[in-house]
Amino acid sequence: MGKPPTLDPKLDFAIERLADAPPRLVWEALTKPEQIAVDQLVAHVLAMK
């Protein structure tokens, strides 16, 4: 792995995976309009436990 890219705070943002959620669900939560709400992501994560 190479050096991580430099982020410009005026143009870029970074997403870190803090919840123990499958990457597929996180991606769906960020890309599907009906999944944008944060509370829906939390519900998915809690339902998996």
Protein backbone atom coordinates (compact mmCIF):
# COMPACT_ATOMS: atom_id res chain seq x y z
CA MET A 1 0.00 0.00 0.00
CA GLY A 2 1.17 3.45 -0.81
CA LYS A 3 0.92 6.72 1.00
CA PRO A 4 -2.69 7.77 1.74
CA PRO A 5 -3.92 10.66 -0.38
CA THR A 6 -3.81 14.19 1.01
CA LEU A 7 -7.32 15.52 1.64
CA ASP A 8 -8.31 19.10 0.94
CA PRO A 9 -10.87 19.99 3.66
CA LYS A 10 -12.53 22.49 1.32
CA LEU A 11 -13.20 19.85 -1.34
CA ASP A 12 -12.92 16.39 0.18
CA PHE A 13 -14.34 14.40 3.03
CA ALA A 14 -13.38 11.03 4.43
CA ILE A 15 -15.64 8.28 5.70
CA GLU A 16 -14.38 5.96 8.38
CA ARG A 17 -16.15 2.79 9.34
CA LEU A 18 -16.89 3.16 13.05
CA ALA A 19 -19.87 0.82 13.24
CA ASP A 20 -19.58 -2.93 12.92
CA ALA A 21 -21.64 -2.95 9.73
CA PRO A 22 -21.02 -4.85 6.51
CA PRO A 23 -19.50 -2.63 3.81
CA ARG A 24 -22.41 -3.52 1.48
CA LEU A 25 -24.96 -1.99 3.87
CA VAL A 26 -22.83 1.09 4.42
CA TRP A 27 -22.50 1.56 0.64
CA GLU A 28 -26.26 1.15 0.14
CA ALA A 29 -26.96 3.63 2.93
CA LEU A 30 -24.77 6.21 1.19
CA THR A 31 -25.89 5.62 -2.40
CA LYS A 32 -29.61 4.78 -2.35
CA PRO A 33 -31.89 7.79 -1.88
CA GLU A 34 -34.27 5.83 0.34
CA GLN A 35 -31.34 4.88 2.60
CA ILE A 36 -29.77 8.30 3.13
CA ALA A 37 -31.23 8.84 6.59
CA VAL A 38 -28.75 8.03 9.33
CA ASP A 39 -31.42 6.44 11.50
CA GLN A 40 -32.02 3.84 8.80
CA LEU A 41 -28.33 2.89 8.81
CA VAL A 42 -28.43 2.57 12.58
CA ALA A 43 -31.53 0.37 12.33
CA HIS A 44 -29.71 -1.92 9.88
CA VAL A 45 -26.73 -2.22 12.18
CA LEU A 46 -28.84 -2.92 15.24
CA ALA A 47 -30.95 -5.50 13.39
CA MET A 48 -27.81 -7.48 12.63
CA LYS A 49 -26.90 -7.99 16.29
